[in-house]
Amino acid sequence: MANKYITFWSVAIFVFVLDIVTKLLVAKNIPLNRSIDFPFFSISHILNTGTAFGVLKNASWFFVVFAVAVSVFLILKYKTFAKNIQPILGLILGGAVGNLVDRLLYGAVIDFIDFHFWPAFNVADTAISVAVVLILLREYWPQKRNI
């Protein structure tokens, strides 16, 4: 029975650890508001007090409460969701907790992946965004019907 949910926890822990490790590497090696430039993108050290695209700046406590609520909900309810959505829920939990840790430690989220034409983001943001796309595809993609 425990193996049924190993994917949920494995994905969540992997995303969380990858997010925290990459943010620590950026914080340790790149001064705040500085970048290392590559041909098509930069690795930048940016603190974002808002959400995606810098919306709702200085609302970190709102996002702390929201991330805690989402995380608690997922931890309490993940067993009630179908097995095939467990990895998607793991992406959300890992990303939510990764950004939550930043907000608690710094009052903002460390963003570092910067493609210049798009606001900077991080591993947690990527995991949450991929999860949302997967949920939408799962919900709206035509299902094969066995007749």
N, C-alpha and C. Protein backbone atom coordinates (compact mmCIF):
# COMPACT_ATOMS: atom_id res chain seq x y z
N MET A 1 0.82 -1.21 0.00
CA MET A 1 0.00 0.00 0.00
C MET A 1 0.86 1.27 0.00
N ALA A 2 1.97 1.25 0.74
CA ALA A 2 2.84 2.42 0.79
C ALA A 2 3.45 2.73 -0.57
N ASN A 3 3.74 1.69 -1.37
CA ASN A 3 4.32 1.90 -2.69
C ASN A 3 3.39 2.64 -3.64
N LYS A 4 2.09 2.59 -3.36
CA LYS A 4 1.11 3.26 -4.21
C LYS A 4 1.36 4.77 -4.25
N TYR A 5 1.91 5.31 -3.18
CA TYR A 5 2.09 6.76 -3.08
C TYR A 5 3.56 7.19 -3.16
N ILE A 6 4.44 6.26 -3.48
CA ILE A 6 5.86 6.60 -3.52
C ILE A 6 6.17 7.63 -4.60
N THR A 7 5.43 7.60 -5.71
CA THR A 7 5.67 8.57 -6.78
C THR A 7 5.37 9.98 -6.29
N PHE A 8 4.27 10.16 -5.59
CA PHE A 8 3.91 11.48 -5.05
C PHE A 8 5.06 12.03 -4.21
N TRP A 9 5.51 11.24 -3.24
CA TRP A 9 6.56 11.70 -2.32
C TRP A 9 7.90 11.83 -3.02
N SER A 10 8.23 10.93 -3.93
CA SER A 10 9.50 11.00 -4.65
C SER A 10 9.59 12.26 -5.49
N VAL A 11 8.53 12.55 -6.23
CA VAL A 11 8.52 13.76 -7.07
C VAL A 11 8.58 15.01 -6.20
N ALA A 12 7.78 15.05 -5.14
CA ALA A 12 7.76 16.23 -4.26
C ALA A 12 9.13 16.48 -3.64
N ILE A 13 9.75 15.43 -3.14
CA ILE A 13 11.07 15.59 -2.50
C ILE A 13 12.13 15.96 -3.53
N PHE A 14 12.09 15.34 -4.71
CA PHE A 14 13.06 15.66 -5.76
C PHE A 14 12.95 17.13 -6.16
N VAL A 15 11.74 17.61 -6.42
CA VAL A 15 11.54 19.01 -6.82
C VAL A 15 12.01 19.94 -5.71
N PHE A 16 11.63 19.65 -4.48
CA PHE A 16 12.01 20.49 -3.35
C PHE A 16 13.54 20.57 -3.22
N VAL A 17 14.21 19.42 -3.23
CA VAL A 17 15.67 19.41 -3.06
C VAL A 17 16.35 20.11 -4.23
N LEU A 18 15.93 19.82 -5.46
CA LEU A 18 16.52 20.48 -6.62
C LEU A 18 16.33 21.99 -6.55
N ASP A 19 15.14 22.42 -6.15
CA ASP A 19 14.86 23.85 -6.03
C ASP A 19 15.77 24.51 -4.99
N ILE A 20 15.84 23.91 -3.82
CA ILE A 20 16.64 24.49 -2.74
C ILE A 20 18.12 24.50 -3.10
N VAL A 21 18.62 23.41 -3.64
CA VAL A 21 20.04 23.34 -4.00
C VAL A 21 20.39 24.37 -5.06
N THR A 22 19.57 24.50 -6.10
CA THR A 22 19.88 25.47 -7.15
C THR A 22 19.83 26.91 -6.61
N LYS A 23 18.86 27.19 -5.76
CA LYS A 23 18.78 28.54 -5.18
C LYS A 23 19.97 28.83 -4.27
N LEU A 24 20.40 27.84 -3.50
CA LEU A 24 21.58 28.03 -2.65
C LEU A 24 22.83 28.26 -3.48
N LEU A 25 22.97 27.52 -4.57
CA LEU A 25 24.13 27.73 -5.46
C LEU A 25 24.13 29.14 -6.05
N VAL A 26 22.96 29.60 -6.47
CA VAL A 26 22.87 30.95 -7.02
C VAL A 26 23.19 31.99 -5.94
N ALA A 27 22.57 31.84 -4.77
CA ALA A 27 22.78 32.81 -3.68
C ALA A 27 24.24 32.85 -3.25
N LYS A 28 24.90 31.71 -3.26
CA LYS A 28 26.30 31.64 -2.82
C LYS A 28 27.27 32.18 -3.86
N ASN A 29 26.94 32.01 -5.14
CA ASN A 29 27.92 32.32 -6.20
C ASN A 29 27.64 33.55 -7.04
N ILE A 30 26.44 34.11 -6.94
CA ILE A 30 26.12 35.29 -7.73
C ILE A 30 25.59 36.37 -6.79
N PRO A 31 26.22 37.54 -6.78
CA PRO A 31 25.72 38.62 -5.93
C PRO A 31 24.29 39.00 -6.32
N LEU A 32 23.54 39.49 -5.35
CA LEU A 32 22.16 39.90 -5.58
C LEU A 32 22.09 40.93 -6.70
N ASN A 33 21.13 40.76 -7.58
CA ASN A 33 20.88 41.63 -8.74
C ASN A 33 22.02 41.62 -9.76
N ARG A 34 22.78 40.55 -9.77
CA ARG A 34 23.81 40.37 -10.77
C ARG A 34 23.49 39.12 -11.58
N SER A 35 24.15 38.96 -12.73
CA SER A 35 23.88 37.84 -13.62
C SER A 35 25.16 37.27 -14.21
N ILE A 36 25.07 36.03 -14.60
CA ILE A 36 26.07 35.40 -15.45
C ILE A 36 25.38 35.18 -16.79
N ASP A 37 25.88 35.82 -17.82
CA ASP A 37 25.22 35.80 -19.12
C ASP A 37 25.73 34.68 -20.01
N PHE A 38 24.79 34.07 -20.71
CA PHE A 38 25.06 33.05 -21.72
C PHE A 38 24.41 33.54 -23.01
N PRO A 39 24.64 32.88 -24.14
CA PRO A 39 24.10 33.39 -25.40
C PRO A 39 22.58 33.62 -25.41
N PHE A 40 21.78 32.75 -24.82
CA PHE A 40 20.33 32.89 -24.94
C PHE A 40 19.62 33.15 -23.62
N PHE A 41 20.35 33.14 -22.52
CA PHE A 41 19.74 33.36 -21.22
C PHE A 41 20.81 33.76 -20.22
N SER A 42 20.36 34.09 -19.03
CA SER A 42 21.27 34.42 -17.94
C SER A 42 20.87 33.65 -16.70
N ILE A 43 21.85 33.42 -15.85
CA ILE A 43 21.57 32.95 -14.50
C ILE A 43 21.71 34.19 -13.63
N SER A 44 20.60 34.64 -13.08
CA SER A 44 20.56 35.88 -12.33
C SER A 44 20.17 35.61 -10.89
N HIS A 45 20.58 36.49 -10.01
CA HIS A 45 20.20 36.38 -8.60
C HIS A 45 19.20 37.51 -8.32
N ILE A 46 17.93 37.15 -8.33
CA ILE A 46 16.85 38.12 -8.17
C ILE A 46 15.97 37.70 -7.01
N LEU A 47 15.56 38.66 -6.18
CA LEU A 47 14.58 38.38 -5.13
C LEU A 47 13.23 38.92 -5.60
N ASN A 48 12.24 38.06 -5.65
CA ASN A 48 10.90 38.42 -6.11
C ASN A 48 9.94 38.35 -4.92
N THR A 49 9.41 39.51 -4.52
CA THR A 49 8.48 39.54 -3.39
C THR A 49 7.05 39.25 -3.83
N GLY A 50 6.83 39.20 -5.13
CA GLY A 50 5.48 38.95 -5.63
C GLY A 50 5.32 37.52 -6.11
N THR A 51 4.46 37.38 -7.09
CA THR A 51 4.23 36.07 -7.68
C THR A 51 4.74 36.10 -9.12
N ALA A 52 4.27 35.22 -9.95
CA ALA A 52 4.71 35.17 -11.34
C ALA A 52 4.60 36.56 -11.98
N PHE A 53 5.60 36.91 -12.77
CA PHE A 53 5.67 38.19 -13.47
C PHE A 53 5.77 39.38 -12.51
N GLY A 54 6.11 39.12 -11.24
CA GLY A 54 6.24 40.20 -10.27
C GLY A 54 4.92 40.81 -9.84
N VAL A 55 3.81 40.13 -10.13
CA VAL A 55 2.49 40.61 -9.74
C VAL A 55 2.36 40.53 -8.22
N LEU A 56 1.63 41.46 -7.64
CA LEU A 56 1.39 41.52 -6.19
C LEU A 56 2.69 41.61 -5.39
N LYS A 57 3.54 42.52 -5.79
CA LYS A 57 4.80 42.72 -5.06
C LYS A 57 4.51 43.04 -3.60
N ASN A 58 5.41 42.61 -2.75
CA ASN A 58 5.34 42.83 -1.31
C ASN A 58 4.12 42.19 -0.66
N ALA A 59 3.65 41.10 -1.24
CA ALA A 59 2.53 40.35 -0.65
C ALA A 59 3.02 38.99 -0.18
N SER A 60 4.26 38.91 0.29
CA SER A 60 4.86 37.63 0.65
C SER A 60 4.04 36.87 1.69
N TRP A 61 3.49 37.57 2.66
CA TRP A 61 2.74 36.85 3.70
C TRP A 61 1.47 36.21 3.15
N PHE A 62 0.86 36.85 2.17
CA PHE A 62 -0.29 36.21 1.50
C PHE A 62 0.14 34.90 0.86
N PHE A 63 1.31 34.91 0.18
CA PHE A 63 1.80 33.72 -0.50
C PHE A 63 2.27 32.66 0.50
N VAL A 64 2.75 33.09 1.66
CA VAL A 64 3.10 32.13 2.71
C VAL A 64 1.85 31.38 3.15
N VAL A 65 0.80 32.12 3.43
CA VAL A 65 -0.46 31.49 3.86
C VAL A 65 -1.00 30.59 2.76
N PHE A 66 -0.98 31.06 1.52
CA PHE A 66 -1.49 30.27 0.40
C PHE A 66 -0.68 28.99 0.22
N ALA A 67 0.66 29.09 0.27
CA ALA A 67 1.52 27.91 0.09
C ALA A 67 1.32 26.91 1.22
N VAL A 68 1.15 27.41 2.43
CA VAL A 68 0.89 26.51 3.56
C VAL A 68 -0.44 25.81 3.36
N ALA A 69 -1.47 26.54 2.95
CA ALA A 69 -2.79 25.95 2.73
C ALA A 69 -2.74 24.88 1.64
N VAL A 70 -2.10 25.18 0.52
CA VAL A 70 -1.99 24.21 -0.57
C VAL A 70 -1.21 22.99 -0.11
N SER A 71 -0.10 23.20 0.58
CA SER A 71 0.73 22.10 1.03
C SER A 71 -0.01 21.20 2.02
N VAL A 72 -0.67 21.81 2.98
CA VAL A 72 -1.44 21.03 3.97
C VAL A 72 -2.55 20.25 3.27
N PHE A 73 -3.26 20.90 2.35
CA PHE A 73 -4.32 20.22 1.60
C PHE A 73 -3.76 19.00 0.87
N LEU A 74 -2.64 19.18 0.15
CA LEU A 74 -2.07 18.07 -0.62
C LEU A 74 -1.60 16.94 0.30
N ILE A 75 -0.97 17.28 1.40
CA ILE A 75 -0.47 16.26 2.32
C ILE A 75 -1.63 15.48 2.94
N LEU A 76 -2.71 16.16 3.23
CA LEU A 76 -3.86 15.49 3.84
C LEU A 76 -4.71 14.71 2.83
N LYS A 77 -4.75 15.17 1.58
CA LYS A 77 -5.70 14.61 0.61
C LYS A 77 -5.08 13.83 -0.55
N TYR A 78 -3.76 13.79 -0.68
CA TYR A 78 -3.18 13.18 -1.88
C TYR A 78 -3.64 11.73 -2.07
N LYS A 79 -3.89 11.01 -0.99
CA LYS A 79 -4.30 9.60 -1.10
C LYS A 79 -5.68 9.45 -1.74
N THR A 80 -6.47 10.51 -1.74
CA THR A 80 -7.82 10.43 -2.31
C THR A 80 -7.84 10.66 -3.82
N PHE A 81 -6.72 11.08 -4.38
CA PHE A 81 -6.65 11.34 -5.81
C PHE A 81 -6.15 10.09 -6.55
N ALA A 82 -6.52 9.99 -7.81
CA ALA A 82 -6.12 8.85 -8.63
C ALA A 82 -4.60 8.72 -8.69
N LYS A 83 -4.15 7.48 -8.83
CA LYS A 83 -2.71 7.20 -8.85
C LYS A 83 -2.02 7.96 -9.98
N ASN A 84 -2.68 8.11 -11.13
CA ASN A 84 -2.03 8.75 -12.27
C ASN A 84 -1.87 10.26 -12.11
N ILE A 85 -2.48 10.85 -11.11
CA ILE A 85 -2.28 12.28 -10.87
C ILE A 85 -1.29 12.53 -9.72
N GLN A 86 -0.86 11.47 -9.06
CA GLN A 86 0.08 11.60 -7.94
C GLN A 86 1.37 12.36 -8.32
N PRO A 87 2.01 12.05 -9.46
CA PRO A 87 3.23 12.80 -9.81
C PRO A 87 2.96 14.30 -10.01
N ILE A 88 1.81 14.62 -10.56
CA ILE A 88 1.46 16.02 -10.78
C ILE A 88 1.29 16.73 -9.44
N LEU A 89 0.64 16.07 -8.50
CA LEU A 89 0.49 16.64 -7.16
C LEU A 89 1.84 16.78 -6.48
N GLY A 90 2.75 15.85 -6.74
CA GLY A 90 4.10 15.95 -6.20
C GLY A 90 4.84 17.16 -6.73
N LEU A 91 4.65 17.47 -8.02
CA LEU A 91 5.26 18.69 -8.59
C LEU A 91 4.76 19.93 -7.86
N ILE A 92 3.47 19.97 -7.61
CA ILE A 92 2.88 21.14 -6.94
C ILE A 92 3.40 21.25 -5.50
N LEU A 93 3.39 20.13 -4.77
CA LEU A 93 3.84 20.18 -3.38
C LEU A 93 5.31 20.57 -3.29
N GLY A 94 6.16 19.94 -4.10
CA GLY A 94 7.59 20.28 -4.07
C GLY A 94 7.85 21.73 -4.40
N GLY A 95 7.15 22.25 -5.41
CA GLY A 95 7.31 23.66 -5.79
C GLY A 95 6.77 24.61 -4.74
N ALA A 96 5.62 24.29 -4.20
CA ALA A 96 5.01 25.16 -3.17
C ALA A 96 5.90 25.24 -1.94
N VAL A 97 6.42 24.11 -1.50
CA VAL A 97 7.26 24.10 -0.30
C VAL A 97 8.61 24.77 -0.59
N GLY A 98 9.15 24.56 -1.79
CA GLY A 98 10.41 25.22 -2.14
C GLY A 98 10.30 26.74 -2.08
N ASN A 99 9.25 27.29 -2.68
CA ASN A 99 9.07 28.74 -2.64
C ASN A 99 8.67 29.21 -1.25
N LEU A 100 7.95 28.38 -0.50
CA LEU A 100 7.57 28.72 0.88
C LEU A 100 8.82 28.91 1.74
N VAL A 101 9.77 28.01 1.61
CA VAL A 101 11.01 28.12 2.39
C VAL A 101 11.69 29.45 2.10
N ASP A 102 11.78 29.83 0.83
CA ASP A 102 12.37 31.13 0.46
C ASP A 102 11.64 32.29 1.14
N ARG A 103 10.33 32.27 1.05
CA ARG A 103 9.56 33.38 1.63
C ARG A 103 9.76 33.48 3.13
N LEU A 104 9.87 32.34 3.79
CA LEU A 104 10.10 32.35 5.24
C LEU A 104 11.51 32.81 5.59
N LEU A 105 12.48 32.42 4.78
CA LEU A 105 13.87 32.80 5.05
C LEU A 105 14.22 34.22 4.62
N TYR A 106 13.73 34.62 3.44
CA TYR A 106 14.16 35.88 2.83
C TYR A 106 13.04 36.90 2.66
N GLY A 107 11.80 36.51 2.89
CA GLY A 107 10.68 37.40 2.64
C GLY A 107 10.39 37.56 1.15
N ALA A 108 11.03 36.74 0.33
CA ALA A 108 10.90 36.79 -1.13
C ALA A 108 11.39 35.46 -1.68
N VAL A 109 11.17 35.25 -2.97
CA VAL A 109 11.61 34.03 -3.64
C VAL A 109 12.82 34.34 -4.49
N ILE A 110 13.82 33.45 -4.46
CA ILE A 110 14.98 33.61 -5.33
C ILE A 110 14.61 33.09 -6.71
N ASP A 111 14.65 33.98 -7.69
CA ASP A 111 14.45 33.61 -9.09
C ASP A 111 15.81 33.73 -9.78
N PHE A 112 16.10 32.85 -10.72
CA PHE A 112 17.43 32.89 -11.33
C PHE A 112 17.49 32.50 -12.80
N ILE A 113 16.48 31.84 -13.33
CA ILE A 113 16.50 31.47 -14.75
C ILE A 113 15.89 32.65 -15.52
N ASP A 114 16.71 33.29 -16.34
CA ASP A 114 16.30 34.54 -16.97
C ASP A 114 16.55 34.47 -18.48
N PHE A 115 15.45 34.39 -19.24
CA PHE A 115 15.54 34.35 -20.70
C PHE A 115 15.39 35.74 -21.34
N HIS A 116 15.37 36.77 -20.54
CA HIS A 116 15.33 38.17 -20.97
C HIS A 116 14.00 38.61 -21.59
N PHE A 117 13.31 37.74 -22.28
CA PHE A 117 12.01 38.11 -22.85
C PHE A 117 10.86 37.66 -21.93
N TRP A 118 11.21 37.00 -20.83
CA TRP A 118 10.23 36.44 -19.89
C TRP A 118 10.72 36.74 -18.49
N PRO A 119 9.85 36.99 -17.55
CA PRO A 119 10.33 37.24 -16.18
C PRO A 119 11.13 36.04 -15.64
N ALA A 120 12.12 36.33 -14.82
CA ALA A 120 12.95 35.28 -14.23
C ALA A 120 12.10 34.34 -13.38
N PHE A 121 12.54 33.09 -13.30
CA PHE A 121 11.80 32.09 -12.54
C PHE A 121 12.79 31.09 -11.94
N ASN A 122 12.28 30.07 -11.27
CA ASN A 122 13.13 29.08 -10.61
C ASN A 122 12.56 27.67 -10.82
N VAL A 123 13.20 26.69 -10.21
CA VAL A 123 12.77 25.29 -10.36
C VAL A 123 11.36 25.09 -9.81
N ALA A 124 11.07 25.68 -8.65
CA ALA A 124 9.73 25.52 -8.06
C ALA A 124 8.66 26.08 -8.98
N ASP A 125 8.91 27.26 -9.53
CA ASP A 125 7.95 27.86 -10.47
C ASP A 125 7.74 26.94 -11.68
N THR A 126 8.82 26.37 -12.17
CA THR A 126 8.74 25.48 -13.32
C THR A 126 7.90 24.25 -12.99
N ALA A 127 8.13 23.66 -11.84
CA ALA A 127 7.37 22.47 -11.44
C ALA A 127 5.89 22.77 -11.32
N ILE A 128 5.55 23.89 -10.71
CA ILE A 128 4.14 24.26 -10.55
C ILE A 128 3.52 24.54 -11.92
N SER A 129 4.23 25.24 -12.78
CA SER A 129 3.71 25.55 -14.12
C SER A 129 3.50 24.29 -14.94
N VAL A 130 4.46 23.37 -14.90
CA VAL A 130 4.31 22.10 -15.62
C VAL A 130 3.11 21.34 -15.08
N ALA A 131 2.94 21.33 -13.76
CA ALA A 131 1.79 20.64 -13.16
C ALA A 131 0.47 21.23 -13.64
N VAL A 132 0.38 22.54 -13.69
CA VAL A 132 -0.85 23.18 -14.15
C VAL A 132 -1.14 22.80 -15.60
N VAL A 133 -0.12 22.83 -16.45
CA VAL A 133 -0.31 22.44 -17.86
C VAL A 133 -0.76 20.99 -17.95
N LEU A 134 -0.14 20.12 -17.18
CA LEU A 134 -0.52 18.70 -17.20
C LEU A 134 -1.95 18.49 -16.72
N ILE A 135 -2.36 19.22 -15.71
CA ILE A 135 -3.74 19.12 -15.22
C ILE A 135 -4.70 19.58 -16.31
N LEU A 136 -4.39 20.69 -16.97
CA LEU A 136 -5.26 21.19 -18.04
C LEU A 136 -5.32 20.20 -19.21
N LEU A 137 -4.17 19.66 -19.59
CA LEU A 137 -4.16 18.67 -20.68
C LEU A 137 -4.96 17.43 -20.29
N ARG A 138 -4.77 17.00 -19.06
CA ARG A 138 -5.49 15.81 -18.57
C ARG A 138 -6.99 16.06 -18.56
N GLU A 139 -7.36 17.26 -18.21
CA GLU A 139 -8.78 17.59 -18.09
C GLU A 139 -9.46 17.81 -19.44
N TYR A 140 -8.73 18.41 -20.37
CA TYR A 140 -9.36 18.82 -21.63
C TYR A 140 -8.95 18.02 -22.85
N TRP A 141 -7.95 17.14 -22.73
CA TRP A 141 -7.53 16.32 -23.85
C TRP A 141 -8.59 15.25 -24.09
N PRO A 142 -8.99 15.05 -25.34
CA PRO A 142 -10.01 14.03 -25.60
C PRO A 142 -9.56 12.65 -25.13
N GLN A 143 -10.40 11.99 -24.38
CA GLN A 143 -10.11 10.67 -23.85
C GLN A 143 -10.54 9.60 -24.86
N LYS A 144 -9.76 8.54 -24.97
CA LYS A 144 -10.16 7.40 -25.79
C LYS A 144 -11.27 6.67 -25.05
N ARG A 145 -12.28 6.36 -25.75
CA ARG A 145 -13.41 5.64 -25.15
C ARG A 145 -13.39 4.20 -25.63
N ASN A 146 -13.47 3.28 -24.72
CA ASN A 146 -13.59 1.86 -25.08
C ASN A 146 -15.04 1.54 -25.33
N ILE A 147 -15.33 1.11 -26.53
CA ILE A 147 -16.72 0.82 -26.87
C ILE A 147 -16.93 -0.67 -26.92
